[in-house]
């Protein structure tokens, strides 16, 4: 996975799930969506990338959540979360981190 591919996934995900670029403060817009979106990353390890937004109850903040999932067993391989539900750059960096061995 290169930075251009990761950025394209981040732009697509945020464009679909947080099109108003809500920063997590104040009233949540109706367009904000917490469903999981799965991306085929052409993994040599047969993994797919799932991305969603989740509320961290301890920190009282919204975060993006990425996980690699095995396509054969459906098992969670690697989870990773980050801040910035309205930041393409932050999500891109998380995608690059989690996909570094793919």
N, C-alpha and C. Protein backbone atom coordinates (compact mmCIF):
# COMPACT_ATOMS: atom_id res chain seq x y z
N UNK A 1 0.86 -1.17 0.00
CA UNK A 1 0.00 0.00 0.00
C UNK A 1 0.90 1.23 0.00
N UNK A 2 0.64 2.12 -0.92
CA UNK A 2 1.41 3.37 -0.94
C UNK A 2 0.52 4.52 -0.44
N UNK A 3 1.14 5.68 -0.26
CA UNK A 3 0.41 6.81 0.33
C UNK A 3 -0.73 7.28 -0.56
N UNK A 4 -0.57 7.19 -1.86
CA UNK A 4 -1.64 7.61 -2.76
C UNK A 4 -2.87 6.70 -2.63
N UNK A 5 -2.64 5.40 -2.54
CA UNK A 5 -3.74 4.46 -2.36
C UNK A 5 -4.43 4.67 -1.01
N UNK A 6 -3.63 4.86 0.03
CA UNK A 6 -4.19 5.09 1.37
C UNK A 6 -5.01 6.38 1.40
N UNK A 7 -4.52 7.42 0.76
CA UNK A 7 -5.26 8.68 0.73
C UNK A 7 -6.56 8.53 -0.04
N UNK A 8 -6.54 7.77 -1.12
CA UNK A 8 -7.76 7.55 -1.90
C UNK A 8 -8.82 6.83 -1.05
N UNK A 9 -8.40 5.83 -0.28
CA UNK A 9 -9.33 5.13 0.60
C UNK A 9 -9.86 6.08 1.66
N UNK A 10 -8.98 6.87 2.27
CA UNK A 10 -9.40 7.82 3.31
C UNK A 10 -10.39 8.83 2.75
N UNK A 11 -10.12 9.38 1.57
CA UNK A 11 -11.05 10.33 0.95
C UNK A 11 -12.41 9.69 0.67
N UNK A 12 -12.38 8.47 0.16
CA UNK A 12 -13.63 7.77 -0.14
C UNK A 12 -14.43 7.53 1.14
N UNK A 13 -13.75 7.02 2.17
CA UNK A 13 -14.45 6.71 3.41
C UNK A 13 -15.05 7.96 4.05
N UNK A 14 -14.25 8.99 4.22
CA UNK A 14 -14.76 10.21 4.86
C UNK A 14 -15.83 10.85 4.00
N UNK A 15 -15.67 10.80 2.68
CA UNK A 15 -16.68 11.36 1.78
C UNK A 15 -18.03 10.67 1.92
N UNK A 16 -18.01 9.36 2.17
CA UNK A 16 -19.25 8.60 2.34
C UNK A 16 -19.83 8.73 3.74
N UNK A 17 -18.97 8.62 4.75
CA UNK A 17 -19.43 8.45 6.11
C UNK A 17 -19.44 9.74 6.95
N UNK A 18 -18.73 10.76 6.51
CA UNK A 18 -18.72 12.05 7.20
C UNK A 18 -18.59 13.18 6.18
N UNK A 19 -19.55 13.25 5.25
CA UNK A 19 -19.44 14.21 4.15
C UNK A 19 -19.43 15.68 4.58
N UNK A 20 -19.97 15.97 5.76
CA UNK A 20 -19.97 17.36 6.25
C UNK A 20 -18.70 17.70 7.03
N UNK A 21 -17.80 16.70 7.13
CA UNK A 21 -16.55 16.86 7.87
C UNK A 21 -16.78 17.31 9.31
N UNK A 22 -17.78 16.69 9.94
CA UNK A 22 -18.07 16.97 11.35
C UNK A 22 -16.85 16.58 12.17
N UNK A 23 -16.47 17.43 13.13
CA UNK A 23 -15.28 17.18 13.93
C UNK A 23 -15.55 16.44 15.23
N UNK A 24 -16.78 16.04 15.46
CA UNK A 24 -17.12 15.29 16.66
C UNK A 24 -17.59 16.14 17.81
N UNK A 25 -17.64 17.45 17.62
CA UNK A 25 -18.06 18.37 18.68
C UNK A 25 -19.45 18.89 18.34
N UNK A 26 -20.30 18.95 19.36
CA UNK A 26 -21.66 19.45 19.13
C UNK A 26 -22.57 18.36 18.60
N UNK A 27 -23.66 18.79 18.01
CA UNK A 27 -24.68 17.86 17.52
C UNK A 27 -24.18 17.10 16.30
N UNK A 28 -24.35 15.79 16.34
CA UNK A 28 -23.93 14.91 15.25
C UNK A 28 -24.88 15.11 14.06
N UNK A 29 -24.35 15.39 12.87
CA UNK A 29 -25.22 15.55 11.70
C UNK A 29 -25.82 14.21 11.26
N UNK A 30 -26.98 14.28 10.63
CA UNK A 30 -27.64 13.07 10.15
C UNK A 30 -26.80 12.33 9.11
N UNK A 31 -25.94 13.05 8.39
CA UNK A 31 -25.13 12.43 7.35
C UNK A 31 -23.96 11.62 7.91
N UNK A 32 -23.67 11.77 9.20
CA UNK A 32 -22.56 11.04 9.83
C UNK A 32 -22.98 9.59 10.02
N UNK A 33 -22.15 8.64 9.59
CA UNK A 33 -22.53 7.24 9.58
C UNK A 33 -21.44 6.41 10.26
N UNK A 34 -21.85 5.48 11.10
CA UNK A 34 -20.90 4.65 11.83
C UNK A 34 -20.81 3.21 11.30
N UNK A 35 -21.41 2.95 10.17
CA UNK A 35 -21.33 1.61 9.59
C UNK A 35 -19.90 1.30 9.14
N UNK A 36 -19.57 0.03 9.10
CA UNK A 36 -18.25 -0.41 8.65
C UNK A 36 -18.23 -0.44 7.12
N UNK A 37 -17.17 0.10 6.55
CA UNK A 37 -16.94 0.01 5.10
C UNK A 37 -15.71 -0.86 4.90
N UNK A 38 -15.82 -1.83 4.01
CA UNK A 38 -14.74 -2.77 3.74
C UNK A 38 -14.07 -2.44 2.42
N UNK A 39 -12.73 -2.42 2.45
CA UNK A 39 -11.93 -2.14 1.26
C UNK A 39 -11.03 -3.32 0.94
N UNK A 40 -11.04 -3.71 -0.33
CA UNK A 40 -10.11 -4.72 -0.81
C UNK A 40 -8.77 -4.02 -1.04
N UNK A 41 -7.75 -4.46 -0.34
CA UNK A 41 -6.44 -3.81 -0.43
C UNK A 41 -5.43 -4.66 -1.19
N UNK A 42 -5.91 -5.69 -1.90
CA UNK A 42 -5.02 -6.59 -2.65
C UNK A 42 -3.91 -7.12 -1.77
N UNK A 43 -4.30 -7.60 -0.61
CA UNK A 43 -3.37 -8.07 0.40
C UNK A 43 -2.72 -9.39 0.00
N UNK A 44 -1.42 -9.46 0.18
CA UNK A 44 -0.71 -10.72 -0.04
C UNK A 44 -1.06 -11.74 1.04
N UNK A 45 -1.65 -11.26 2.14
CA UNK A 45 -2.02 -12.11 3.27
C UNK A 45 -3.52 -12.43 3.31
N UNK A 46 -4.23 -12.13 2.24
CA UNK A 46 -5.67 -12.37 2.13
C UNK A 46 -6.49 -11.61 3.17
N UNK A 47 -6.10 -10.37 3.44
CA UNK A 47 -6.83 -9.52 4.38
C UNK A 47 -7.58 -8.42 3.63
N UNK A 48 -8.64 -7.95 4.26
CA UNK A 48 -9.34 -6.76 3.80
C UNK A 48 -9.25 -5.72 4.91
N UNK A 49 -9.50 -4.47 4.56
CA UNK A 49 -9.45 -3.38 5.51
C UNK A 49 -10.86 -2.91 5.81
N UNK A 50 -11.25 -2.98 7.08
CA UNK A 50 -12.53 -2.45 7.54
C UNK A 50 -12.27 -1.12 8.24
N UNK A 51 -13.09 -0.11 7.92
CA UNK A 51 -12.96 1.20 8.55
C UNK A 51 -14.33 1.64 9.06
N UNK A 52 -14.34 2.24 10.24
CA UNK A 52 -15.58 2.78 10.81
C UNK A 52 -15.23 3.92 11.76
N UNK A 53 -16.26 4.59 12.23
CA UNK A 53 -16.11 5.59 13.28
C UNK A 53 -16.69 5.00 14.55
N UNK A 54 -16.01 5.22 15.67
CA UNK A 54 -16.50 4.73 16.95
C UNK A 54 -16.32 5.80 18.01
N UNK A 55 -17.23 5.79 18.97
CA UNK A 55 -17.14 6.72 20.08
C UNK A 55 -16.35 6.08 21.21
N UNK A 56 -15.31 6.77 21.66
CA UNK A 56 -14.49 6.31 22.78
C UNK A 56 -15.11 6.87 24.06
N UNK A 57 -15.75 6.01 24.83
CA UNK A 57 -16.46 6.44 26.04
C UNK A 57 -15.51 6.95 27.11
N UNK A 58 -14.33 6.38 27.19
CA UNK A 58 -13.36 6.82 28.20
C UNK A 58 -12.84 8.23 27.91
N UNK A 59 -12.49 8.46 26.65
CA UNK A 59 -11.94 9.76 26.25
C UNK A 59 -13.03 10.77 25.90
N UNK A 60 -14.25 10.25 25.68
CA UNK A 60 -15.39 11.07 25.25
C UNK A 60 -15.10 11.80 23.94
N UNK A 61 -14.55 11.03 22.99
CA UNK A 61 -14.24 11.56 21.67
C UNK A 61 -14.59 10.52 20.60
N UNK A 62 -14.81 11.01 19.40
CA UNK A 62 -15.01 10.13 18.25
C UNK A 62 -13.64 9.82 17.65
N UNK A 63 -13.47 8.59 17.16
CA UNK A 63 -12.22 8.15 16.55
C UNK A 63 -12.52 7.37 15.28
N UNK A 64 -11.53 7.31 14.40
CA UNK A 64 -11.66 6.37 13.29
C UNK A 64 -11.03 5.05 13.73
N UNK A 65 -11.60 3.97 13.25
CA UNK A 65 -11.18 2.65 13.67
C UNK A 65 -10.92 1.82 12.42
N UNK A 66 -9.71 1.29 12.30
CA UNK A 66 -9.33 0.46 11.17
C UNK A 66 -8.98 -0.93 11.68
N UNK A 67 -9.32 -1.93 10.90
CA UNK A 67 -8.92 -3.28 11.26
C UNK A 67 -8.68 -4.09 10.00
N UNK A 68 -7.64 -4.91 10.06
CA UNK A 68 -7.41 -5.89 9.01
C UNK A 68 -8.15 -7.15 9.41
N UNK A 69 -8.87 -7.72 8.45
CA UNK A 69 -9.67 -8.92 8.71
C UNK A 69 -9.33 -9.96 7.67
N UNK A 70 -9.11 -11.19 8.11
CA UNK A 70 -8.80 -12.30 7.22
C UNK A 70 -10.04 -12.65 6.40
N UNK A 71 -9.90 -12.68 5.09
CA UNK A 71 -11.06 -12.92 4.22
C UNK A 71 -11.57 -14.36 4.29
N UNK A 72 -10.72 -15.29 4.70
CA UNK A 72 -11.14 -16.69 4.75
C UNK A 72 -11.81 -17.05 6.07
N UNK A 73 -11.23 -16.62 7.17
CA UNK A 73 -11.75 -16.98 8.49
C UNK A 73 -12.64 -15.90 9.10
N UNK A 74 -12.58 -14.67 8.55
CA UNK A 74 -13.29 -13.50 9.08
C UNK A 74 -12.70 -13.03 10.41
N UNK A 75 -11.57 -13.61 10.83
CA UNK A 75 -10.93 -13.22 12.08
C UNK A 75 -10.31 -11.84 11.98
N UNK A 76 -10.36 -11.12 13.09
CA UNK A 76 -9.69 -9.84 13.20
C UNK A 76 -8.20 -10.10 13.32
N UNK A 77 -7.41 -9.47 12.46
CA UNK A 77 -5.96 -9.68 12.45
C UNK A 77 -5.27 -8.58 13.23
N UNK A 78 -5.53 -7.33 12.85
CA UNK A 78 -4.89 -6.18 13.50
C UNK A 78 -5.91 -5.05 13.62
N UNK A 79 -6.16 -4.55 14.83
CA UNK A 79 -6.98 -3.34 14.99
C UNK A 79 -6.08 -2.13 15.25
N UNK A 80 -6.53 -0.97 14.81
CA UNK A 80 -5.79 0.27 15.05
C UNK A 80 -6.78 1.42 14.98
N UNK A 81 -6.70 2.35 15.91
CA UNK A 81 -7.60 3.49 15.88
C UNK A 81 -6.79 4.77 15.94
N UNK A 82 -7.45 5.87 15.57
CA UNK A 82 -6.79 7.17 15.59
C UNK A 82 -7.80 8.28 15.73
N UNK A 83 -7.29 9.45 16.04
CA UNK A 83 -8.15 10.62 16.20
C UNK A 83 -8.34 11.29 14.84
N UNK A 84 -9.29 12.18 14.78
CA UNK A 84 -9.50 12.94 13.56
C UNK A 84 -10.51 12.33 12.63
N UNK A 85 -11.77 12.36 13.01
CA UNK A 85 -12.82 11.80 12.16
C UNK A 85 -13.11 12.68 10.95
N UNK A 86 -12.55 13.88 10.94
CA UNK A 86 -12.73 14.79 9.82
C UNK A 86 -11.42 15.05 9.08
N UNK A 87 -10.40 14.26 9.38
CA UNK A 87 -9.08 14.49 8.81
C UNK A 87 -8.67 13.37 7.86
N UNK A 88 -8.59 13.70 6.59
CA UNK A 88 -8.12 12.73 5.60
C UNK A 88 -6.68 12.35 5.90
N UNK A 89 -5.87 13.31 6.30
CA UNK A 89 -4.46 13.05 6.60
C UNK A 89 -4.31 12.06 7.76
N UNK A 90 -5.04 12.26 8.85
CA UNK A 90 -4.94 11.35 10.00
C UNK A 90 -5.38 9.94 9.63
N UNK A 91 -6.47 9.82 8.90
CA UNK A 91 -6.95 8.50 8.49
C UNK A 91 -5.96 7.86 7.52
N UNK A 92 -5.41 8.64 6.61
CA UNK A 92 -4.41 8.11 5.68
C UNK A 92 -3.23 7.51 6.44
N UNK A 93 -2.75 8.22 7.45
CA UNK A 93 -1.61 7.73 8.24
C UNK A 93 -1.94 6.44 8.98
N UNK A 94 -3.16 6.34 9.50
CA UNK A 94 -3.57 5.11 10.18
C UNK A 94 -3.64 3.96 9.19
N UNK A 95 -4.18 4.21 8.01
CA UNK A 95 -4.26 3.16 6.97
C UNK A 95 -2.86 2.72 6.59
N UNK A 96 -1.94 3.64 6.40
CA UNK A 96 -0.57 3.28 6.05
C UNK A 96 0.08 2.46 7.16
N UNK A 97 -0.16 2.84 8.41
CA UNK A 97 0.40 2.09 9.55
C UNK A 97 -0.13 0.65 9.60
N UNK A 98 -1.43 0.50 9.47
CA UNK A 98 -2.02 -0.83 9.60
C UNK A 98 -1.72 -1.72 8.39
N UNK A 99 -1.51 -1.12 7.25
CA UNK A 99 -1.25 -1.88 6.02
C UNK A 99 0.24 -1.99 5.69
N UNK A 100 1.10 -1.65 6.61
CA UNK A 100 2.53 -1.61 6.32
C UNK A 100 3.12 -2.96 5.89
N UNK A 101 2.52 -4.05 6.31
CA UNK A 101 3.02 -5.37 5.93
C UNK A 101 2.15 -6.08 4.92
N UNK A 102 1.24 -5.34 4.34
CA UNK A 102 0.34 -5.94 3.35
C UNK A 102 0.93 -5.74 2.00
